[in-house]
Amino acid sequence: MTTRLLLVLLVFTQSLCAVGRVTLRHTRTEPPAKTGRGAAEITRGIKRYASMAEHARPRAHRKRYSPPPTHILGLHNQTAHNYTGPGVKFPSPLSLFNVTDSSTPTGRVDSLALNIEADDLGYLANVWLGTPPRQFRLLVDTGSADLWVPSDRCLSLTGETCNHTYLGPGVSSSFVEMASDEWAILYGSGYTSGRLVRDRISFAGFDLESLTFGVTDLESNDFATSDVPFDGIMGLAGSRASRMDQPSIIEALAGAGLVPQPIMSYKLPRLADGKGDGEITFGSMDLSKFDPLTAVSLKNLNSEGYWQVALQDASVDSRMLDMRDRTGIVDTGTSLLVIPEEDAQAIHDVLEGIKLDDETWTIPCSTKHSLALSFGARQFSIDPRDLMFSPTDESGSCISKIVSSGKAHPTLWLLGDVFLKNVYLSTNVATNEVTFARLL
């Protein structure tokens, strides 16, 4: 039996051994029949919240390739069976059948276009790796800290070849493998493991001749199959969150003197707007995208590398909900707003026409209610269109994108794209701050 197949069986067996060790509210093996993709994305969001919540309090820094905690392995096993087992009635939430390209940022050489996965399910950017350069499409994720792409020997957990653009010595003359440097990452939905390598990377007018990053030898089907529209992930949390113990891409650029400041800035596009104006900027903020008079900079409260800020309150149609002493992790990698059960219930209670069906909230698709979140001295409103998934039938009801995380973490919010599409976002490693501003 080959070493690669043994590795597949070993990891898969570890996952099976973890079955039944965790029970998560709202987690199910099949969604209600009428919920379709919305339920799949909700399930993924809940699992992602659970996997990130442990990082919302101070902990010792993890060493590279430390095995994921048993309860996280359990979540991975549930994910694998929910989305890839027999009898599945909905696609993996990471799966996608269309990508809408954004326009190349005009007038800026330090920015990349952010392309839209499905109906604002995620945001993708193109980079070039190797010599000669090969294009890779990466999921932009502020909720993780590592950059990886498939290796030339990548396999799925089921032993099949990973169906994406790959990197290795056979396709890149500048590819350098680093001896005995292995890593493993368990996301809210999906698992990857592999090796550290060095190679050339080019994007947005930048060229790093030798960047250390990961190549995968093993991926769960959440990443490996051909219907997943991205090749890998660009994690943009701080380096303390890295499972590879490597600097983030913006830290690498700053270390090489290629950017004036270690700042990352984001304008997430909305498919329904049809503007194709998504952009990610390296080293600065794009003043053409936001009103600087509305900007508020917030101290990062997280010592583990994630971007976590204080949330002052929330309101619906200017009615304050007295949600104080909350914090939120900024996460472009989830399309939802995942919040404590009590807060989710309070918000839905003041929305008209809300229904709770088998632990899933629905909202009238025509709702005009305005949810706003307060940070510092500023209030940022969420477009009503962002509160729900697209209609799945002719009932006039849409599944809410405000999702309960249960009762385990009563003050922690996961600030996904429901909120982030409505602000200009910037993170600064040097000052350890997060900035929100109103879009122009």
Protein backbone atom coordinates (compact mmCIF):
# COMPACT_ATOMS: atom_id res chain seq x y z
CA MET A 1 0.00 0.00 0.00
CA THR A 2 1.43 3.42 -0.95
CA THR A 3 2.39 6.04 1.62
CA ARG A 4 -0.17 8.45 0.18
CA LEU A 5 -3.01 5.95 0.54
CA LEU A 6 -1.92 5.12 4.09
CA LEU A 7 -2.10 8.82 4.91
CA VAL A 8 -5.61 9.04 3.48
CA LEU A 9 -6.75 6.06 5.54
CA LEU A 10 -5.08 7.33 8.71
CA VAL A 11 -6.76 10.74 8.62
CA PHE A 12 -10.10 9.28 7.61
CA THR A 13 -9.90 6.73 10.47
CA GLN A 14 -9.11 9.50 12.95
CA SER A 15 -12.20 11.34 11.80
CA LEU A 16 -14.37 8.24 12.17
CA CYS A 17 -13.09 7.72 15.71
CA ALA A 18 -14.37 11.17 16.63
CA VAL A 19 -18.00 10.45 15.65
CA GLY A 20 -20.54 11.24 18.32
CA ARG A 21 -18.25 13.28 20.56
CA VAL A 22 -19.92 16.58 19.80
CA THR A 23 -23.51 17.72 19.46
CA LEU A 24 -24.14 21.12 17.94
CA ARG A 25 -27.45 22.91 18.02
CA HIS A 26 -28.98 23.34 14.53
CA THR A 27 -26.63 20.71 13.04
CA ARG A 28 -28.45 18.08 11.01
CA THR A 29 -27.59 15.43 8.49
CA GLU A 30 -30.21 16.70 6.06
CA PRO A 31 -31.88 20.11 5.78
CA PRO A 32 -35.64 20.68 5.62
CA ALA A 33 -36.71 19.79 2.10
CA LYS A 34 -37.59 23.34 1.11
CA THR A 35 -34.42 25.09 2.27
CA GLY A 36 -31.93 23.96 -0.36
CA ARG A 37 -28.61 25.77 -0.52
CA GLY A 38 -29.54 28.09 2.36
CA ALA A 39 -29.57 25.23 4.85
CA ALA A 40 -26.25 23.96 3.58
CA GLU A 41 -24.65 27.37 4.05
CA ILE A 42 -26.23 27.73 7.50
CA THR A 43 -24.79 24.37 8.54
CA ARG A 44 -21.36 25.43 7.30
CA GLY A 45 -21.61 28.78 9.11
CA ILE A 46 -22.50 27.13 12.41
CA LYS A 47 -19.55 24.76 12.12
CA ARG A 48 -17.18 27.56 11.17
CA TYR A 49 -18.35 29.54 14.22
CA ALA A 50 -17.70 26.56 16.47
CA SER A 51 -14.21 26.05 15.11
CA MET A 52 -13.33 29.75 15.52
CA ALA A 53 -15.00 30.40 18.89
CA GLU A 54 -12.18 28.73 20.79
CA HIS A 55 -9.83 31.40 19.42
CA ALA A 56 -11.90 34.26 20.85
CA ARG A 57 -10.17 33.92 24.24
CA PRO A 58 -6.44 33.95 25.08
CA ARG A 59 -4.67 30.61 24.60
CA ALA A 60 -1.13 29.36 24.18
CA HIS A 61 0.02 29.66 20.58
CA ARG A 62 -0.41 26.39 18.69
CA LYS A 63 2.57 24.64 17.19
CA ARG A 64 2.68 23.65 13.56
CA TYR A 65 0.96 20.36 12.77
CA SER A 66 -0.55 20.00 16.24
CA PRO A 67 -3.47 17.60 15.66
CA PRO A 68 -6.83 19.37 15.54
CA PRO A 69 -8.82 18.99 18.79
CA THR A 70 -11.01 15.90 18.95
CA HIS A 71 -14.24 17.89 18.90
CA ILE A 72 -13.07 19.69 15.76
CA LEU A 73 -12.25 16.36 14.13
CA GLY A 74 -15.79 15.40 14.99
CA LEU A 75 -17.07 18.46 13.14
CA HIS A 76 -14.90 17.55 10.17
CA ASN A 77 -16.35 14.05 10.15
CA GLN A 78 -19.89 15.43 10.26
CA THR A 79 -19.03 17.79 7.42
CA ALA A 80 -17.62 15.00 5.28
CA HIS A 81 -20.69 12.83 5.82
CA ASN A 82 -23.20 15.65 5.48
CA TYR A 83 -21.86 16.89 2.19
CA THR A 84 -20.31 13.88 0.47
CA GLY A 85 -22.12 10.80 1.75
CA PRO A 86 -24.84 8.84 -0.02
CA GLY A 87 -28.31 10.29 -0.13
CA VAL A 88 -27.19 13.90 0.09
CA LYS A 89 -29.94 16.30 -0.96
CA PHE A 90 -27.97 19.51 -1.25
CA PRO A 91 -24.50 20.47 -2.54
CA SER A 92 -21.51 21.29 -0.38
CA PRO A 93 -21.74 24.96 0.66
CA LEU A 94 -18.25 25.40 -0.76
CA SER A 95 -19.45 24.09 -4.10
CA LEU A 96 -20.29 26.50 -6.84
CA PHE A 97 -21.43 26.40 -10.39
CA ASN A 98 -20.69 29.98 -11.45
CA VAL A 99 -18.24 32.78 -10.71
CA THR A 100 -18.94 36.41 -11.61
CA ASP A 101 -15.75 38.30 -12.39
CA SER A 102 -15.23 41.81 -11.11
CA SER A 103 -13.55 44.49 -13.18
CA THR A 104 -9.81 45.02 -12.89
CA PRO A 105 -9.33 47.83 -10.33
CA THR A 106 -8.77 51.05 -12.24
CA GLY A 107 -5.96 53.42 -11.44
CA ARG A 108 -4.37 51.16 -8.79
CA VAL A 109 -1.49 48.74 -9.15
CA ASP A 110 -1.75 47.56 -5.53
CA SER A 111 -5.21 45.98 -5.82
CA LEU A 112 -6.81 42.78 -7.03
CA ALA A 113 -10.34 42.29 -8.32
CA LEU A 114 -12.59 40.29 -6.02
CA ASN A 115 -14.73 37.88 -8.02
CA ILE A 116 -18.07 36.66 -6.68
CA GLU A 117 -18.81 33.02 -5.94
CA ALA A 118 -22.47 32.25 -6.76
CA ASP A 119 -24.87 34.66 -5.03
CA ASP A 120 -22.30 36.33 -2.73
CA LEU A 121 -21.29 32.98 -1.28
CA GLY A 122 -17.60 33.92 -1.21
CA TYR A 123 -14.96 36.14 -2.81
CA LEU A 124 -12.10 34.97 -5.01
CA ALA A 125 -8.86 36.58 -6.20
CA ASN A 126 -6.31 35.50 -8.83
CA VAL A 127 -2.59 35.17 -8.09
CA TRP A 128 0.31 33.69 -10.06
CA LEU A 129 2.73 31.14 -8.60
CA GLY A 130 5.88 29.48 -9.93
CA THR A 131 8.18 29.80 -12.94
CA PRO A 132 6.69 30.07 -15.49
CA PRO A 133 3.77 31.62 -13.57
CA ARG A 134 0.57 29.59 -13.19
CA GLN A 135 -2.70 31.29 -12.31
CA PHE A 136 -4.48 30.17 -9.13
CA ARG A 137 -7.89 31.31 -7.95
CA LEU A 138 -7.91 31.72 -4.16
CA LEU A 139 -10.72 32.20 -1.65
CA VAL A 140 -10.06 35.41 0.31
CA ASP A 141 -10.49 34.61 4.00
CA THR A 142 -9.86 36.95 6.95
CA GLY A 143 -10.96 34.13 9.26
CA SER A 144 -7.79 32.07 8.65
CA ALA A 145 -4.11 32.92 8.26
CA ASP A 146 -2.49 30.57 5.74
CA LEU A 147 -2.01 30.48 1.97
CA TRP A 148 -2.13 27.09 0.28
CA VAL A 149 -2.68 25.52 -3.14
CA PRO A 150 -2.79 21.85 -4.25
CA SER A 151 0.45 19.97 -4.80
CA ASP A 152 1.11 17.77 -7.82
CA ARG A 153 0.39 14.72 -5.66
CA CYS A 154 -2.76 16.00 -3.93
CA LEU A 155 -5.47 13.44 -3.11
CA SER A 156 -8.96 13.75 -1.69
CA LEU A 157 -9.97 11.85 1.46
CA THR A 158 -11.54 9.28 -0.85
CA GLY A 159 -8.23 8.75 -2.65
CA GLU A 160 -9.04 10.63 -5.86
CA THR A 161 -6.82 13.22 -7.51
CA CYS A 162 -7.60 16.83 -6.52
CA ASN A 163 -9.30 18.50 -9.50
CA HIS A 164 -7.60 21.89 -9.50
CA THR A 165 -4.54 23.73 -10.74
CA TYR A 166 -1.54 22.35 -8.86
CA LEU A 167 2.04 23.32 -8.10
CA GLY A 168 5.20 21.20 -7.97
CA PRO A 169 8.74 20.81 -9.29
CA GLY A 170 7.45 19.44 -12.59
CA VAL A 171 5.67 22.69 -13.46
CA SER A 172 7.82 25.29 -11.67
CA SER A 173 11.59 25.60 -11.91
CA SER A 174 11.65 27.89 -8.85
CA PHE A 175 9.74 25.42 -6.63
CA VAL A 176 11.68 24.50 -3.45
CA GLU A 177 10.40 21.89 -0.99
CA MET A 178 11.26 22.42 2.67
CA ALA A 179 12.31 19.26 4.51
CA SER A 180 10.03 17.84 7.22
CA ASP A 181 7.74 20.87 7.46
CA GLU A 182 4.21 19.46 7.55
CA TRP A 183 0.97 21.17 8.52
CA ALA A 184 -2.73 20.44 8.87
CA ILE A 185 -5.74 22.78 8.97
CA LEU A 186 -9.34 22.02 9.90
CA TYR A 187 -11.73 24.73 8.72
CA GLY A 188 -15.39 25.17 9.68
CA SER A 189 -16.08 22.95 6.71
CA GLY A 190 -13.24 20.92 5.31
CA TYR A 191 -9.74 19.63 6.04
CA THR A 192 -6.36 20.06 4.35
CA SER A 193 -2.83 18.90 5.14
CA GLY A 194 0.46 19.12 3.32
CA ARG A 195 3.98 20.56 3.26
CA LEU A 196 5.71 23.91 3.33
CA VAL A 197 7.40 25.05 0.12
CA ARG A 198 8.99 28.16 -1.32
CA ASP A 199 8.21 29.63 -4.70
CA ARG A 200 7.63 32.84 -6.57
CA ILE A 201 4.31 34.69 -6.26
CA SER A 202 3.03 37.62 -8.31
CA PHE A 203 -0.19 39.61 -7.92
CA ALA A 204 -1.46 43.21 -7.98
CA GLY A 205 1.86 44.58 -9.23
CA PHE A 206 3.86 42.78 -6.52
CA ASP A 207 6.48 40.10 -7.10
CA LEU A 208 7.97 38.05 -4.26
CA GLU A 209 10.70 35.77 -5.56
CA SER A 210 10.62 33.46 -2.55
CA LEU A 211 7.46 33.13 -0.44
CA THR A 212 6.96 30.29 2.03
CA PHE A 213 3.44 28.82 1.87
CA GLY A 214 1.66 25.47 1.83
CA VAL A 215 0.88 22.87 -0.80
CA THR A 216 -1.72 20.26 0.00
CA ASP A 217 -1.21 16.53 -0.26
CA LEU A 218 -4.62 15.76 1.24
CA GLU A 219 -7.93 17.62 0.96
CA SER A 220 -11.46 16.80 2.01
CA ASN A 221 -14.03 16.87 -0.78
CA ASP A 222 -15.10 20.34 0.38
CA PHE A 223 -11.97 21.54 -1.44
CA ALA A 224 -10.83 18.73 -3.77
CA THR A 225 -13.74 18.27 -6.18
CA SER A 226 -14.05 19.96 -9.56
CA ASP A 227 -17.25 21.85 -8.67
CA VAL A 228 -15.36 23.92 -6.07
CA PRO A 229 -14.45 27.11 -7.99
CA PHE A 230 -11.23 27.96 -6.18
CA ASP A 231 -7.88 26.21 -6.10
CA GLY A 232 -6.82 27.22 -2.60
CA ILE A 233 -7.18 29.78 0.18
CA MET A 234 -5.49 33.08 0.93
CA GLY A 235 -5.78 33.47 4.70
CA LEU A 236 -5.52 37.10 5.82
CA ALA A 237 -5.74 36.91 9.60
CA GLY A 238 -2.57 37.69 11.55
CA SER A 239 0.39 35.31 11.64
CA ARG A 240 -0.33 34.22 15.22
CA ALA A 241 -3.33 32.36 13.79
CA SER A 242 -1.16 30.51 11.27
CA ARG A 243 -1.12 26.72 11.43
CA MET A 244 2.05 26.87 9.33
CA ASP A 245 3.83 29.36 11.64
CA GLN A 246 4.40 31.67 8.69
CA PRO A 247 3.81 35.39 8.18
CA SER A 248 0.66 36.38 6.33
CA ILE A 249 0.96 37.65 2.78
CA ILE A 250 0.71 41.30 3.87
CA GLU A 251 3.37 40.73 6.54
CA ALA A 252 5.62 39.17 3.90
CA LEU A 253 5.11 42.17 1.60
CA ALA A 254 5.86 44.60 4.43
CA GLY A 255 8.94 42.61 5.45
CA ALA A 256 10.25 42.85 1.89
CA GLY A 257 9.68 46.61 1.84
CA LEU A 258 7.10 46.36 -0.94
CA VAL A 259 4.26 48.15 0.88
CA PRO A 260 4.42 51.25 3.09
CA GLN A 261 2.27 49.70 5.81
CA PRO A 262 0.97 46.17 6.59
CA ILE A 263 -2.59 47.14 5.75
CA MET A 264 -5.21 45.05 3.94
CA SER A 265 -8.38 46.72 2.66
CA TYR A 266 -11.54 45.23 1.19
CA LYS A 267 -14.53 46.33 -0.82
CA LEU A 268 -16.77 43.25 -1.12
CA PRO A 269 -19.08 43.32 -4.16
CA ARG A 270 -22.76 42.42 -4.23
CA LEU A 271 -23.98 40.31 -7.16
CA ALA A 272 -27.40 41.99 -7.19
CA ASP A 273 -25.79 45.40 -7.78
CA GLY A 274 -24.22 44.21 -11.03
CA LYS A 275 -21.29 46.63 -10.62
CA GLY A 276 -18.39 44.17 -10.51
CA ASP A 277 -16.56 46.60 -8.20
CA GLY A 278 -15.04 44.18 -5.69
CA GLU A 279 -11.45 44.86 -4.76
CA ILE A 280 -8.75 43.94 -2.26
CA THR A 281 -5.94 46.46 -1.71
CA PHE A 282 -2.50 45.71 -0.29
CA GLY A 283 -0.64 48.29 1.79
CA SER A 284 -3.18 51.13 1.85
CA MET A 285 -6.84 52.12 1.67
CA ASP A 286 -8.60 53.07 -1.57
CA LEU A 287 -10.07 56.53 -0.92
CA SER A 288 -12.33 56.21 -3.96
CA LYS A 289 -14.33 53.47 -2.22
CA PHE A 290 -15.34 55.02 1.13
CA ASP A 291 -16.14 58.23 3.02
CA PRO A 292 -13.13 58.94 5.28
CA LEU A 293 -15.28 61.09 7.59
CA THR A 294 -17.22 57.97 8.60
CA ALA A 295 -14.19 55.78 9.35
CA VAL A 296 -13.82 54.28 12.81
CA SER A 297 -10.71 52.38 13.91
CA LEU A 298 -11.17 49.68 16.53
CA LYS A 299 -8.64 47.90 18.71
CA ASN A 300 -8.18 44.23 17.93
CA LEU A 301 -9.21 42.30 21.04
CA ASN A 302 -7.84 38.95 19.93
CA SER A 303 -4.35 37.78 20.90
CA GLU A 304 -4.44 34.74 18.59
CA GLY A 305 -4.20 36.59 15.30
CA TYR A 306 -7.89 36.86 14.40
CA TRP A 307 -9.58 40.22 13.87
CA GLN A 308 -12.02 40.67 16.78
CA VAL A 309 -13.60 43.99 17.76
CA ALA A 310 -16.05 45.38 20.30
CA LEU A 311 -19.67 45.69 19.15
CA GLN A 312 -21.51 48.53 20.92
CA ASP A 313 -25.10 47.64 20.02
CA ALA A 314 -27.50 46.61 17.28
CA SER A 315 -30.74 48.20 16.11
CA VAL A 316 -33.65 47.42 13.82
CA ASP A 317 -35.31 50.42 12.15
CA SER A 318 -33.53 52.70 14.67
CA ARG A 319 -34.85 50.70 17.63
CA MET A 320 -31.86 49.90 19.85
CA LEU A 321 -31.76 46.29 21.06
CA ASP A 322 -29.45 46.77 24.07
CA MET A 323 -26.89 44.21 22.86
CA ARG A 324 -23.89 45.40 24.81
CA ASP A 325 -20.61 43.75 25.77
CA ARG A 326 -20.53 41.81 22.51
CA THR A 327 -17.52 41.24 20.29
CA GLY A 328 -17.33 40.19 16.65
CA ILE A 329 -14.75 38.29 14.60
CA VAL A 330 -14.36 39.75 11.11
CA ASP A 331 -14.67 36.87 8.65
CA THR A 332 -14.91 37.30 4.88
CA GLY A 333 -14.97 33.50 4.65
CA THR A 334 -18.60 33.14 5.73
CA SER A 335 -21.61 34.66 3.99
CA LEU A 336 -23.69 34.72 7.19
CA LEU A 337 -24.13 36.68 10.41
CA VAL A 338 -23.68 33.95 13.05
CA ILE A 339 -24.65 35.21 16.49
CA PRO A 340 -25.72 33.90 19.93
CA GLU A 341 -29.16 32.35 20.16
CA GLU A 342 -30.59 35.04 22.41
CA ASP A 343 -29.42 37.81 20.07
CA ALA A 344 -30.70 36.03 16.96
CA GLN A 345 -34.10 35.58 18.60
CA ALA A 346 -34.24 39.24 19.70
CA ILE A 347 -33.49 40.52 16.19
CA HIS A 348 -36.01 38.24 14.52
CA ASP A 349 -38.65 39.11 17.12
CA VAL A 350 -38.80 42.72 15.89
CA LEU A 351 -38.91 41.86 12.19
CA GLU A 352 -42.37 41.59 10.64
CA GLY A 353 -43.51 38.39 8.98
CA ILE A 354 -40.81 36.20 10.55
CA LYS A 355 -41.44 32.47 10.83
CA LEU A 356 -39.43 29.83 12.66
CA ASP A 357 -39.64 26.53 10.81
CA ASP A 358 -37.68 23.57 12.17
CA GLU A 359 -35.08 25.91 13.76
CA THR A 360 -34.70 27.92 10.53
CA TRP A 361 -35.96 31.50 10.37
CA THR A 362 -37.62 32.80 7.23
CA ILE A 363 -38.14 36.46 6.29
CA PRO A 364 -40.57 37.94 3.75
CA CYS A 365 -38.49 38.33 0.61
CA SER A 366 -39.83 41.87 0.23
CA THR A 367 -38.73 43.03 3.69
CA LYS A 368 -37.42 46.59 4.01
CA HIS A 369 -36.34 46.35 7.65
CA SER A 370 -32.96 47.91 8.35
CA LEU A 371 -30.57 46.17 10.73
CA ALA A 372 -27.65 48.34 11.86
CA LEU A 373 -24.58 47.56 13.97
CA SER A 374 -22.77 50.14 16.09
CA PHE A 375 -18.98 50.24 16.44
CA GLY A 376 -17.25 53.04 18.30
CA ALA A 377 -19.21 56.21 17.56
CA ARG A 378 -20.49 54.96 14.18
CA GLN A 379 -23.53 53.02 13.07
CA PHE A 380 -23.43 50.90 9.92
CA SER A 381 -26.67 49.79 8.24
CA ILE A 382 -27.12 46.47 6.46
CA ASP A 383 -28.95 46.43 3.13
CA PRO A 384 -32.21 44.45 3.61
CA ARG A 385 -31.27 42.33 0.58
CA ASP A 386 -28.29 40.99 2.51
CA LEU A 387 -30.42 39.58 5.32
CA MET A 388 -31.74 36.65 3.31
CA PHE A 389 -30.96 34.02 0.70
CA SER A 390 -32.59 34.28 -2.71
CA PRO A 391 -36.13 32.85 -2.89
CA THR A 392 -36.29 29.08 -3.23
CA ASP A 393 -39.99 28.83 -4.06
CA GLU A 394 -43.06 31.00 -4.71
CA SER A 395 -44.13 31.34 -1.07
CA GLY A 396 -42.71 34.84 -0.73
CA SER A 397 -40.46 33.73 2.12
CA CYS A 398 -36.66 33.69 2.12
CA ILE A 399 -34.29 31.98 4.53
CA SER A 400 -32.69 34.40 6.98
CA LYS A 401 -28.91 34.83 6.90
CA ILE A 402 -28.95 35.75 10.59
CA VAL A 403 -28.18 32.41 12.21
CA SER A 404 -28.08 31.25 15.82
CA SER A 405 -24.82 29.80 17.10
CA GLY A 406 -26.50 28.37 20.21
CA LYS A 407 -25.81 29.27 23.82
CA ALA A 408 -22.17 28.25 24.25
CA HIS A 409 -20.72 31.72 23.49
CA PRO A 410 -23.37 34.28 24.54
CA THR A 411 -21.39 37.41 23.58
CA LEU A 412 -19.47 36.35 20.43
CA TRP A 413 -20.59 37.27 16.91
CA LEU A 414 -19.16 36.07 13.60
CA LEU A 415 -19.28 39.12 11.30
CA GLY A 416 -19.57 37.56 7.87
CA ASP A 417 -20.40 39.02 4.47
CA VAL A 418 -23.97 39.91 5.49
CA PHE A 419 -22.36 42.82 7.32
CA LEU A 420 -19.04 43.21 5.49
CA LYS A 421 -20.66 43.89 2.09
CA ASN A 422 -22.01 47.09 3.64
CA VAL A 423 -18.74 48.62 4.84
CA TYR A 424 -15.25 49.34 3.65
CA LEU A 425 -13.01 47.08 5.73
CA SER A 426 -9.35 47.60 6.53
CA THR A 427 -7.00 45.73 8.89
CA ASN A 428 -3.62 47.00 10.09
CA VAL A 429 -1.06 44.57 11.50
CA ALA A 430 1.25 47.35 12.73
CA THR A 431 -1.38 49.11 14.84
CA ASN A 432 -3.40 45.93 15.49
CA GLU A 433 -6.60 47.69 14.46
CA VAL A 434 -9.68 47.11 12.32
CA THR A 435 -11.28 50.02 10.45
CA PHE A 436 -14.85 50.22 9.16
CA ALA A 437 -16.15 53.04 6.96
CA ARG A 438 -19.29 53.75 4.97
CA LEU A 439 -19.10 52.99 1.28
CA LEU A 440 -19.47 55.64 -1.39
